[in-house]
């Protein structure tokens, strides 16, 4: 039976960069799962690559059909943005191992849906100052920067990934990405291999 490795961390913790490195590692042979979102596409994103970008109506249709495995809604300054995983045939644990990006909340839902023995949390941890500097740098590159939304997300992550919630979820292993992302990736790679 395969495993779902769920990569999570606060915004600008390096999840996307780490994900890309792990998914390219042929030795790990992890399969991608493309998540869904109702948020607007950012510059440089492609539908079906980073996410399946859907409308609120699309989301409601999937929910009515009981096709949503896990979901979370962020009440942004631009309205609600939903992120979710759909039971759309992408995940079949009989055929391999998967790598998914999510949140602490999505980890709990995915663990409960597939069983704790099949879902492995990979929590990326970064100090607040480094995260804020990275967030400012990333937002400045956007054609229409949304600094207000960046600040809202930063503060929301502090609550969503509180020490109490991490403990309640039973997540004990952390990977630190404050400086050298390559060493963080190597540590995660070794950890994943211990399950294969």
N, C-alpha and C. Protein backbone atom coordinates (compact mmCIF):
# COMPACT_ATOMS: atom_id res chain seq x y z
N UNK A 1 0.85 -1.19 0.00
CA UNK A 1 0.00 0.00 0.00
C UNK A 1 0.88 1.24 0.00
N UNK A 2 0.52 2.21 -0.82
CA UNK A 2 1.31 3.43 -0.92
C UNK A 2 1.05 4.39 0.22
N UNK A 3 1.78 5.48 0.20
CA UNK A 3 1.67 6.53 1.22
C UNK A 3 1.36 7.86 0.55
N UNK A 4 0.71 8.74 1.29
CA UNK A 4 0.55 10.13 0.88
C UNK A 4 1.45 10.94 1.80
N UNK A 5 2.43 11.61 1.23
CA UNK A 5 3.32 12.50 1.99
C UNK A 5 2.74 13.90 1.85
N UNK A 6 2.30 14.46 2.97
CA UNK A 6 1.63 15.76 2.93
C UNK A 6 2.56 16.84 3.46
N UNK A 7 3.01 17.67 2.52
CA UNK A 7 3.95 18.75 2.79
C UNK A 7 3.16 19.98 3.23
N UNK A 8 3.50 20.51 4.40
CA UNK A 8 2.74 21.64 4.90
C UNK A 8 3.64 22.61 5.64
N UNK A 9 3.15 23.82 5.76
CA UNK A 9 3.88 24.87 6.45
C UNK A 9 3.20 26.19 6.19
N UNK A 10 3.60 27.19 6.92
CA UNK A 10 3.04 28.52 6.74
C UNK A 10 3.41 29.07 5.37
N UNK A 11 2.71 30.11 4.94
CA UNK A 11 3.01 30.72 3.65
C UNK A 11 4.47 31.18 3.63
N UNK A 12 5.09 31.09 2.48
CA UNK A 12 6.50 31.43 2.22
C UNK A 12 7.47 30.60 3.07
N UNK A 13 7.07 29.39 3.43
CA UNK A 13 7.99 28.51 4.15
C UNK A 13 8.88 27.73 3.19
N UNK A 14 8.61 27.86 1.88
CA UNK A 14 9.41 27.16 0.89
C UNK A 14 8.76 25.90 0.35
N UNK A 15 7.48 25.71 0.65
CA UNK A 15 6.78 24.49 0.25
C UNK A 15 6.85 24.24 -1.25
N UNK A 16 6.60 25.26 -2.06
CA UNK A 16 6.58 25.06 -3.52
C UNK A 16 7.94 24.62 -4.05
N UNK A 17 9.00 25.26 -3.58
CA UNK A 17 10.36 24.91 -4.02
C UNK A 17 10.72 23.50 -3.58
N UNK A 18 10.40 23.16 -2.34
CA UNK A 18 10.68 21.82 -1.82
C UNK A 18 9.87 20.79 -2.58
N UNK A 19 8.60 21.09 -2.82
CA UNK A 19 7.72 20.19 -3.56
C UNK A 19 8.31 19.89 -4.94
N UNK A 20 8.70 20.93 -5.66
CA UNK A 20 9.24 20.74 -7.02
C UNK A 20 10.47 19.85 -7.01
N UNK A 21 11.32 20.02 -6.01
CA UNK A 21 12.53 19.20 -5.91
C UNK A 21 12.19 17.74 -5.62
N UNK A 22 11.28 17.52 -4.69
CA UNK A 22 10.92 16.16 -4.32
C UNK A 22 10.20 15.43 -5.45
N UNK A 23 9.34 16.14 -6.15
CA UNK A 23 8.55 15.50 -7.21
C UNK A 23 9.43 15.13 -8.41
N UNK A 24 10.54 15.85 -8.60
CA UNK A 24 11.48 15.56 -9.69
C UNK A 24 12.44 14.42 -9.36
N UNK A 25 12.53 14.05 -8.08
CA UNK A 25 13.47 13.02 -7.64
C UNK A 25 12.98 11.65 -8.11
N UNK A 26 13.63 11.12 -9.14
CA UNK A 26 13.20 9.86 -9.74
C UNK A 26 13.32 8.69 -8.77
N UNK A 27 14.26 8.77 -7.85
CA UNK A 27 14.44 7.70 -6.88
C UNK A 27 13.23 7.61 -5.94
N UNK A 28 12.66 8.76 -5.59
CA UNK A 28 11.47 8.76 -4.72
C UNK A 28 10.23 8.32 -5.50
N UNK A 29 10.16 8.69 -6.77
CA UNK A 29 9.04 8.31 -7.66
C UNK A 29 7.67 8.67 -7.06
N UNK A 30 7.58 9.88 -6.50
CA UNK A 30 6.31 10.32 -5.92
C UNK A 30 5.40 10.87 -7.02
N UNK A 31 4.13 10.56 -6.92
CA UNK A 31 3.16 11.03 -7.91
C UNK A 31 2.55 12.35 -7.43
N UNK A 32 2.22 13.19 -8.39
CA UNK A 32 1.61 14.48 -8.10
C UNK A 32 0.11 14.33 -7.90
N UNK A 33 -0.43 15.19 -7.06
CA UNK A 33 -1.88 15.35 -6.93
C UNK A 33 -2.13 16.84 -7.06
N UNK A 34 -2.87 17.22 -8.07
CA UNK A 34 -3.17 18.64 -8.27
C UNK A 34 -4.41 18.99 -7.46
N UNK A 35 -4.24 19.96 -6.56
CA UNK A 35 -5.34 20.41 -5.73
C UNK A 35 -6.19 21.44 -6.49
N UNK A 36 -7.29 21.81 -5.88
CA UNK A 36 -8.22 22.76 -6.48
C UNK A 36 -8.24 24.04 -5.66
N UNK A 37 -8.53 25.16 -6.32
CA UNK A 37 -8.73 26.42 -5.60
C UNK A 37 -9.71 27.30 -6.36
N UNK A 38 -10.37 28.17 -5.59
CA UNK A 38 -11.24 29.17 -6.21
C UNK A 38 -10.57 30.54 -6.23
N UNK A 39 -9.33 30.62 -5.72
CA UNK A 39 -8.65 31.93 -5.72
C UNK A 39 -8.22 32.27 -7.14
N UNK A 40 -7.99 33.56 -7.42
CA UNK A 40 -7.52 33.95 -8.75
C UNK A 40 -6.12 33.38 -9.04
N UNK A 41 -5.87 33.11 -10.28
CA UNK A 41 -4.57 32.62 -10.71
C UNK A 41 -3.53 33.73 -10.57
N UNK A 42 -2.36 33.39 -10.02
CA UNK A 42 -1.27 34.36 -9.90
C UNK A 42 -0.46 34.40 -11.19
N UNK A 43 0.30 35.47 -11.35
CA UNK A 43 1.19 35.58 -12.51
C UNK A 43 2.10 34.36 -12.56
N UNK A 44 2.21 33.74 -13.73
CA UNK A 44 3.11 32.60 -13.91
C UNK A 44 2.47 31.25 -13.62
N UNK A 45 1.25 31.22 -13.09
CA UNK A 45 0.59 29.95 -12.81
C UNK A 45 -0.18 29.46 -14.04
N UNK A 46 -0.39 28.13 -14.09
CA UNK A 46 -1.10 27.51 -15.20
C UNK A 46 -2.16 26.58 -14.65
N UNK A 47 -3.36 26.67 -15.17
CA UNK A 47 -4.44 25.81 -14.72
C UNK A 47 -4.07 24.34 -14.92
N UNK A 48 -4.25 23.54 -13.87
CA UNK A 48 -3.93 22.12 -13.94
C UNK A 48 -2.49 21.80 -13.57
N UNK A 49 -1.68 22.82 -13.31
CA UNK A 49 -0.29 22.60 -12.91
C UNK A 49 -0.15 22.87 -11.41
N UNK A 50 -0.22 24.14 -11.01
CA UNK A 50 -0.16 24.46 -9.58
C UNK A 50 -1.46 24.04 -8.89
N UNK A 51 -2.59 24.37 -9.53
CA UNK A 51 -3.92 24.03 -9.04
C UNK A 51 -4.84 23.88 -10.24
N UNK A 52 -6.01 23.28 -9.99
CA UNK A 52 -7.14 23.41 -10.90
C UNK A 52 -7.89 24.63 -10.39
N UNK A 53 -7.96 25.66 -11.20
CA UNK A 53 -8.63 26.90 -10.80
C UNK A 53 -10.11 26.79 -11.16
N UNK A 54 -10.96 26.83 -10.13
CA UNK A 54 -12.39 26.62 -10.32
C UNK A 54 -13.18 27.79 -9.79
N UNK A 55 -14.41 27.90 -10.26
CA UNK A 55 -15.32 28.94 -9.77
C UNK A 55 -16.01 28.46 -8.50
N UNK A 56 -16.65 29.35 -7.81
CA UNK A 56 -17.43 28.99 -6.62
C UNK A 56 -18.53 27.99 -7.00
N UNK A 57 -19.10 28.17 -8.18
CA UNK A 57 -20.16 27.26 -8.64
C UNK A 57 -19.60 25.84 -8.85
N UNK A 58 -18.39 25.75 -9.42
CA UNK A 58 -17.74 24.45 -9.60
C UNK A 58 -17.52 23.76 -8.25
N UNK A 59 -17.05 24.54 -7.27
CA UNK A 59 -16.83 24.02 -5.93
C UNK A 59 -18.13 23.47 -5.34
N UNK A 60 -19.19 24.25 -5.45
CA UNK A 60 -20.47 23.83 -4.88
C UNK A 60 -20.99 22.55 -5.54
N UNK A 61 -20.76 22.40 -6.84
CA UNK A 61 -21.17 21.17 -7.55
C UNK A 61 -20.41 19.96 -7.04
N UNK A 62 -19.08 20.10 -6.84
CA UNK A 62 -18.27 18.99 -6.32
C UNK A 62 -18.69 18.64 -4.89
N UNK A 63 -19.00 19.65 -4.11
CA UNK A 63 -19.43 19.42 -2.72
C UNK A 63 -20.76 18.68 -2.70
N UNK A 64 -21.69 19.11 -3.54
CA UNK A 64 -23.01 18.46 -3.60
C UNK A 64 -22.88 16.99 -4.03
N UNK A 65 -21.87 16.70 -4.87
CA UNK A 65 -21.64 15.33 -5.33
C UNK A 65 -20.80 14.52 -4.35
N UNK A 66 -20.48 15.11 -3.17
CA UNK A 66 -19.67 14.47 -2.12
C UNK A 66 -18.31 14.01 -2.65
N UNK A 67 -17.68 14.88 -3.45
CA UNK A 67 -16.39 14.58 -4.06
C UNK A 67 -15.23 15.30 -3.38
N UNK A 68 -15.47 15.97 -2.26
CA UNK A 68 -14.41 16.73 -1.60
C UNK A 68 -13.84 15.92 -0.43
N UNK A 69 -12.51 15.67 -0.49
CA UNK A 69 -11.81 14.92 0.56
C UNK A 69 -11.50 15.83 1.73
N UNK A 70 -10.95 16.98 1.42
CA UNK A 70 -10.61 17.97 2.45
C UNK A 70 -10.73 19.34 1.84
N UNK A 71 -10.99 20.31 2.69
CA UNK A 71 -11.14 21.68 2.20
C UNK A 71 -10.84 22.67 3.30
N UNK A 72 -10.48 23.85 2.89
CA UNK A 72 -10.33 24.97 3.82
C UNK A 72 -10.67 26.24 3.06
N UNK A 73 -11.25 27.18 3.77
CA UNK A 73 -11.67 28.44 3.18
C UNK A 73 -10.97 29.57 3.91
N UNK A 74 -10.37 30.47 3.13
CA UNK A 74 -9.73 31.66 3.70
C UNK A 74 -10.61 32.86 3.36
N UNK A 75 -11.00 33.57 4.40
CA UNK A 75 -11.84 34.76 4.20
C UNK A 75 -10.90 35.94 3.98
N UNK A 76 -10.63 36.21 2.71
CA UNK A 76 -9.65 37.21 2.34
C UNK A 76 -10.31 38.57 2.16
N UNK A 77 -9.49 39.55 1.90
CA UNK A 77 -9.99 40.90 1.61
C UNK A 77 -10.66 40.95 0.23
N UNK A 78 -10.58 39.85 -0.52
CA UNK A 78 -11.16 39.79 -1.87
C UNK A 78 -12.27 38.76 -1.94
N UNK A 79 -12.79 38.37 -0.78
CA UNK A 79 -13.83 37.36 -0.71
C UNK A 79 -13.25 36.01 -0.30
N UNK A 80 -14.11 34.99 -0.18
CA UNK A 80 -13.62 33.67 0.25
C UNK A 80 -12.82 32.98 -0.85
N UNK A 81 -11.66 32.45 -0.47
CA UNK A 81 -10.84 31.63 -1.38
C UNK A 81 -10.81 30.23 -0.81
N UNK A 82 -11.23 29.28 -1.60
CA UNK A 82 -11.28 27.89 -1.16
C UNK A 82 -10.12 27.10 -1.77
N UNK A 83 -9.58 26.20 -0.98
CA UNK A 83 -8.57 25.25 -1.43
C UNK A 83 -9.10 23.88 -1.04
N UNK A 84 -9.03 22.91 -1.96
CA UNK A 84 -9.59 21.60 -1.62
C UNK A 84 -8.98 20.50 -2.50
N UNK A 85 -9.12 19.28 -1.96
CA UNK A 85 -8.72 18.08 -2.68
C UNK A 85 -10.00 17.35 -3.05
N UNK A 86 -10.11 16.98 -4.30
CA UNK A 86 -11.31 16.28 -4.76
C UNK A 86 -11.00 14.81 -5.00
N UNK A 87 -12.00 13.98 -4.73
CA UNK A 87 -11.90 12.55 -5.03
C UNK A 87 -12.22 12.40 -6.52
N UNK A 88 -11.19 12.64 -7.32
CA UNK A 88 -11.37 12.68 -8.77
C UNK A 88 -10.56 11.58 -9.48
N UNK A 89 -10.10 10.59 -8.73
CA UNK A 89 -9.35 9.48 -9.32
C UNK A 89 -7.84 9.68 -9.35
N UNK A 90 -7.35 10.83 -8.89
CA UNK A 90 -5.90 11.06 -8.92
C UNK A 90 -5.15 10.18 -7.91
N UNK A 91 -5.77 9.87 -6.77
CA UNK A 91 -5.09 9.11 -5.71
C UNK A 91 -5.58 7.67 -5.69
N UNK A 92 -4.65 6.73 -5.89
CA UNK A 92 -4.92 5.30 -5.77
C UNK A 92 -3.72 4.69 -5.06
N UNK A 93 -3.85 4.43 -3.77
CA UNK A 93 -2.72 3.97 -2.97
C UNK A 93 -2.22 2.58 -3.36
N UNK A 94 -2.97 1.89 -4.19
CA UNK A 94 -2.50 0.58 -4.68
C UNK A 94 -1.46 0.74 -5.78
N UNK A 95 -1.34 1.95 -6.33
CA UNK A 95 -0.45 2.14 -7.48
C UNK A 95 0.79 2.97 -7.18
N UNK A 96 0.98 3.42 -5.94
CA UNK A 96 2.19 4.18 -5.66
C UNK A 96 2.06 5.13 -4.49
N UNK A 97 3.05 6.01 -4.39
CA UNK A 97 3.14 7.01 -3.33
C UNK A 97 2.91 8.40 -3.91
N UNK A 98 2.36 9.28 -3.10
CA UNK A 98 1.95 10.60 -3.56
C UNK A 98 2.56 11.70 -2.71
N UNK A 99 2.73 12.86 -3.33
CA UNK A 99 3.18 14.06 -2.62
C UNK A 99 2.14 15.14 -2.81
N UNK A 100 1.68 15.71 -1.70
CA UNK A 100 0.62 16.72 -1.72
C UNK A 100 1.06 17.90 -0.87
N UNK A 101 0.72 19.11 -1.31
CA UNK A 101 0.93 20.31 -0.49
C UNK A 101 -0.39 20.64 0.19
N UNK A 102 -0.32 20.94 1.48
CA UNK A 102 -1.54 21.29 2.19
C UNK A 102 -1.27 22.11 3.44
N UNK A 103 -2.24 22.10 4.32
CA UNK A 103 -2.16 22.81 5.60
C UNK A 103 -2.29 21.79 6.72
N UNK A 104 -2.15 22.24 7.94
CA UNK A 104 -2.33 21.35 9.08
C UNK A 104 -3.76 20.79 9.09
N UNK A 105 -4.71 21.64 8.78
CA UNK A 105 -6.11 21.21 8.73
C UNK A 105 -6.33 20.18 7.63
N UNK A 106 -5.76 20.43 6.45
CA UNK A 106 -5.94 19.48 5.35
C UNK A 106 -5.24 18.16 5.65
N UNK A 107 -4.12 18.22 6.38
CA UNK A 107 -3.47 16.98 6.81
C UNK A 107 -4.43 16.15 7.65
N UNK A 108 -5.10 16.78 8.61
CA UNK A 108 -6.02 16.05 9.50
C UNK A 108 -7.16 15.42 8.71
N UNK A 109 -7.74 16.15 7.78
CA UNK A 109 -8.83 15.61 6.97
C UNK A 109 -8.34 14.45 6.08
N UNK A 110 -7.17 14.64 5.47
CA UNK A 110 -6.63 13.60 4.59
C UNK A 110 -6.28 12.35 5.39
N UNK A 111 -5.68 12.54 6.55
CA UNK A 111 -5.35 11.43 7.45
C UNK A 111 -6.61 10.67 7.85
N UNK A 112 -7.67 11.40 8.18
CA UNK A 112 -8.91 10.75 8.58
C UNK A 112 -9.59 10.05 7.41
N UNK A 113 -9.44 10.58 6.21
CA UNK A 113 -10.07 10.00 5.02
C UNK A 113 -9.36 8.73 4.57
N UNK A 114 -8.01 8.76 4.55
CA UNK A 114 -7.23 7.63 4.03
C UNK A 114 -6.65 6.73 5.12
N UNK A 115 -6.68 7.17 6.38
CA UNK A 115 -6.11 6.41 7.49
C UNK A 115 -4.75 6.93 7.88
N UNK A 116 -4.51 7.03 9.18
CA UNK A 116 -3.25 7.61 9.67
C UNK A 116 -2.03 6.81 9.24
N UNK A 117 -2.19 5.51 9.01
CA UNK A 117 -1.06 4.68 8.57
C UNK A 117 -0.65 4.97 7.14
N UNK A 118 -1.50 5.68 6.39
CA UNK A 118 -1.23 5.95 4.98
C UNK A 118 -0.83 7.38 4.67
N UNK A 119 -0.89 8.27 5.67
CA UNK A 119 -0.60 9.69 5.44
C UNK A 119 0.53 10.14 6.36
N UNK A 120 1.61 10.66 5.77
CA UNK A 120 2.80 11.07 6.52
C UNK A 120 2.95 12.58 6.46
N UNK A 121 2.90 13.27 7.62
CA UNK A 121 3.05 14.73 7.61
C UNK A 121 4.51 15.15 7.46
N UNK A 122 4.73 16.18 6.64
CA UNK A 122 6.05 16.80 6.45
C UNK A 122 5.88 18.28 6.77
N UNK A 123 6.16 18.67 8.01
CA UNK A 123 5.94 20.06 8.44
C UNK A 123 7.21 20.88 8.26
N UNK A 124 7.12 21.92 7.42
CA UNK A 124 8.23 22.85 7.19
C UNK A 124 8.09 23.99 8.19
N UNK A 125 9.17 24.31 8.87
CA UNK A 125 9.14 25.37 9.88
C UNK A 125 10.16 26.45 9.49
N UNK A 126 9.74 27.70 9.61
CA UNK A 126 10.60 28.85 9.29
C UNK A 126 10.30 29.95 10.29
N UNK A 127 11.33 30.68 10.73
CA UNK A 127 11.08 31.75 11.70
C UNK A 127 10.28 32.88 11.04
N UNK A 128 9.56 33.63 11.87
CA UNK A 128 8.62 34.65 11.40
C UNK A 128 9.29 35.73 10.57
N UNK A 129 10.45 36.20 10.98
CA UNK A 129 11.12 37.28 10.24
C UNK A 129 11.47 36.83 8.83
N UNK A 130 12.02 35.64 8.68
CA UNK A 130 12.38 35.12 7.36
C UNK A 130 11.15 34.99 6.48
N UNK A 131 10.05 34.47 7.05
CA UNK A 131 8.81 34.34 6.29
C UNK A 131 8.31 35.68 5.80
N UNK A 132 8.33 36.69 6.67
CA UNK A 132 7.83 38.01 6.31
C UNK A 132 8.68 38.64 5.22
N UNK A 133 9.99 38.51 5.32
CA UNK A 133 10.88 39.04 4.27
C UNK A 133 10.62 38.35 2.93
N UNK A 134 10.44 37.04 2.96
CA UNK A 134 10.16 36.29 1.73
C UNK A 134 8.81 36.71 1.13
N UNK A 135 7.81 36.91 2.00
CA UNK A 135 6.48 37.30 1.53
C UNK A 135 6.52 38.68 0.86
N UNK A 136 7.25 39.62 1.44
CA UNK A 136 7.37 40.95 0.85
C UNK A 136 8.04 40.88 -0.52
N UNK A 137 9.10 40.09 -0.60
CA UNK A 137 9.83 39.93 -1.85
C UNK A 137 8.94 39.30 -2.93
N UNK A 138 8.20 38.25 -2.57
CA UNK A 138 7.32 37.57 -3.54
C UNK A 138 6.21 38.50 -4.01
N UNK A 139 5.60 39.22 -3.08
CA UNK A 139 4.48 40.08 -3.45
C UNK A 139 4.93 41.23 -4.33
N UNK A 140 6.13 41.73 -4.09
CA UNK A 140 6.66 42.85 -4.90
C UNK A 140 6.83 42.46 -6.36
N UNK A 141 6.97 41.18 -6.65
CA UNK A 141 7.14 40.72 -8.03
C UNK A 141 5.83 40.66 -8.81
N UNK A 142 4.69 40.69 -8.10
CA UNK A 142 3.40 40.59 -8.76
C UNK A 142 3.07 41.88 -9.51
N UNK A 143 2.35 41.73 -10.60
CA UNK A 143 1.95 42.92 -11.38
C UNK A 143 1.07 43.84 -10.53
N UNK A 144 0.20 43.25 -9.73
CA UNK A 144 -0.68 44.02 -8.85
C UNK A 144 -0.52 43.47 -7.43
N UNK A 145 0.51 43.93 -6.71
CA UNK A 145 0.76 43.40 -5.36
C UNK A 145 -0.44 43.62 -4.43
N UNK A 146 -0.69 42.61 -3.60
CA UNK A 146 -1.79 42.68 -2.62
C UNK A 146 -1.18 42.55 -1.24
N UNK A 147 -0.56 43.62 -0.76
CA UNK A 147 0.12 43.59 0.53
C UNK A 147 -0.84 43.38 1.69
N UNK A 148 -2.07 43.89 1.54
CA UNK A 148 -3.05 43.69 2.60
C UNK A 148 -3.37 42.20 2.76
N UNK A 149 -3.52 41.51 1.64
CA UNK A 149 -3.79 40.08 1.67
C UNK A 149 -2.58 39.31 2.19
N UNK A 150 -1.38 39.76 1.83
CA UNK A 150 -0.16 39.12 2.32
C UNK A 150 -0.11 39.18 3.84
N UNK A 151 -0.44 40.34 4.42
CA UNK A 151 -0.43 40.50 5.87
C UNK A 151 -1.51 39.65 6.53
N UNK A 152 -2.69 39.60 5.93
CA UNK A 152 -3.77 38.78 6.48
C UNK A 152 -3.35 37.32 6.53
N UNK A 153 -2.74 36.84 5.42
CA UNK A 153 -2.33 35.44 5.34
C UNK A 153 -1.24 35.13 6.37
N UNK A 154 -0.31 36.06 6.53
CA UNK A 154 0.78 35.88 7.50
C UNK A 154 0.21 35.68 8.91
N UNK A 155 -0.71 36.54 9.30
CA UNK A 155 -1.30 36.46 10.63
C UNK A 155 -2.19 35.23 10.79
N UNK A 156 -2.93 34.90 9.75
CA UNK A 156 -3.79 33.70 9.81
C UNK A 156 -2.95 32.45 9.98
N UNK A 157 -1.79 32.39 9.33
CA UNK A 157 -0.92 31.22 9.45
C UNK A 157 -0.41 31.05 10.87
N UNK A 158 -0.15 32.16 11.56
CA UNK A 158 0.30 32.08 12.94
C UNK A 158 -0.74 31.36 13.80
N UNK A 159 -2.00 31.59 13.51
CA UNK A 159 -3.08 30.93 14.26
C UNK A 159 -3.28 29.49 13.77
N UNK A 160 -3.30 29.30 12.43
CA UNK A 160 -3.57 27.98 11.86
C UNK A 160 -2.49 26.96 12.22
N UNK A 161 -1.24 27.42 12.37
CA UNK A 161 -0.13 26.54 12.73
C UNK A 161 0.37 26.82 14.15
N UNK A 162 -0.55 27.10 15.04
CA UNK A 162 -0.16 27.34 16.43
C UNK A 162 0.43 26.06 17.02
N UNK A 163 1.26 26.21 18.02
CA UNK A 163 1.86 25.03 18.66
C UNK A 163 0.80 24.09 19.20
N UNK A 164 -0.29 24.65 19.71
CA UNK A 164 -1.37 23.83 20.25
C UNK A 164 -2.00 22.98 19.15
N UNK A 165 -2.26 23.57 17.99
CA UNK A 165 -2.89 22.83 16.89
C UNK A 165 -1.95 21.77 16.31
N UNK A 166 -0.66 22.09 16.25
CA UNK A 166 0.32 21.11 15.77
C UNK A 166 0.33 19.90 16.70
N UNK A 167 0.31 20.15 18.01
CA UNK A 167 0.30 19.06 18.99
C UNK A 167 -0.98 18.26 18.90
N UNK A 168 -2.13 18.93 18.74
CA UNK A 168 -3.42 18.24 18.63
C UNK A 168 -3.46 17.33 17.41
N UNK A 169 -2.80 17.74 16.32
CA UNK A 169 -2.77 16.94 15.09
C UNK A 169 -1.83 15.75 15.21
N UNK A 170 -1.02 15.74 16.26
CA UNK A 170 -0.09 14.64 16.46
C UNK A 170 1.16 14.73 15.60
N UNK A 171 1.47 15.92 15.10
CA UNK A 171 2.66 16.12 14.27
C UNK A 171 3.83 16.42 15.19
N UNK A 172 4.85 15.58 15.12
CA UNK A 172 6.00 15.75 16.02
C UNK A 172 7.29 16.05 15.27
N UNK A 173 7.37 15.67 14.01
CA UNK A 173 8.59 15.86 13.21
C UNK A 173 8.50 17.18 12.45
N UNK A 174 9.60 17.96 12.46
CA UNK A 174 9.66 19.24 11.73
C UNK A 174 10.93 19.29 10.91
N UNK A 175 10.85 20.03 9.83
CA UNK A 175 12.00 20.27 8.96
C UNK A 175 12.19 21.77 8.87
N UNK A 176 13.39 22.26 9.24
CA UNK A 176 13.62 23.70 9.32
C UNK A 176 14.23 24.22 8.02
N UNK A 177 13.63 25.30 7.50
CA UNK A 177 14.06 25.91 6.24
C UNK A 177 14.32 27.40 6.45
N UNK A 178 15.18 27.73 7.39
CA UNK A 178 15.49 29.14 7.65
C UNK A 178 16.60 29.68 6.76
N UNK A 179 17.50 28.83 6.32
CA UNK A 179 18.64 29.34 5.54
C UNK A 179 18.91 28.48 4.31
N UNK A 180 19.42 27.29 4.50
CA UNK A 180 19.83 26.43 3.39
C UNK A 180 18.71 25.47 2.99
N UNK A 181 18.01 25.80 1.92
CA UNK A 181 16.89 24.96 1.51
C UNK A 181 17.36 23.58 1.05
N UNK A 182 18.58 23.50 0.49
CA UNK A 182 19.09 22.21 0.01
C UNK A 182 19.24 21.21 1.15
N UNK A 183 19.72 21.67 2.30
CA UNK A 183 19.87 20.74 3.43
C UNK A 183 18.50 20.31 3.95
N UNK A 184 17.52 21.21 3.89
CA UNK A 184 16.15 20.87 4.29
C UNK A 184 15.60 19.80 3.35
N UNK A 185 15.82 19.98 2.05
CA UNK A 185 15.35 19.01 1.06
C UNK A 185 16.01 17.65 1.27
N UNK A 186 17.30 17.65 1.55
CA UNK A 186 18.01 16.39 1.79
C UNK A 186 17.46 15.66 3.01
N UNK A 187 17.17 16.41 4.06
CA UNK A 187 16.63 15.79 5.27
C UNK A 187 15.26 15.18 5.00
N UNK A 188 14.41 15.91 4.27
CA UNK A 188 13.07 15.40 3.94
C UNK A 188 13.17 14.16 3.05
N UNK A 189 14.10 14.21 2.07
CA UNK A 189 14.28 13.07 1.17
C UNK A 189 14.65 11.81 1.95
N UNK A 190 15.57 11.94 2.88
CA UNK A 190 15.96 10.80 3.70
C UNK A 190 14.79 10.27 4.53
N UNK A 191 14.00 11.20 5.04
CA UNK A 191 12.84 10.80 5.86
C UNK A 191 11.82 10.03 5.01
N UNK A 192 11.53 10.54 3.80
CA UNK A 192 10.60 9.84 2.91
C UNK A 192 11.11 8.45 2.57
N UNK A 193 12.40 8.33 2.28
CA UNK A 193 12.98 7.03 1.93
C UNK A 193 12.80 6.01 3.04
N UNK A 194 12.76 6.48 4.28
CA UNK A 194 12.59 5.54 5.40
C UNK A 194 11.22 4.86 5.39
N UNK A 195 10.27 5.40 4.61
CA UNK A 195 8.94 4.81 4.51
C UNK A 195 8.77 3.94 3.26
N UNK A 196 9.72 4.04 2.35
CA UNK A 196 9.57 3.33 1.06
C UNK A 196 10.15 1.94 1.09
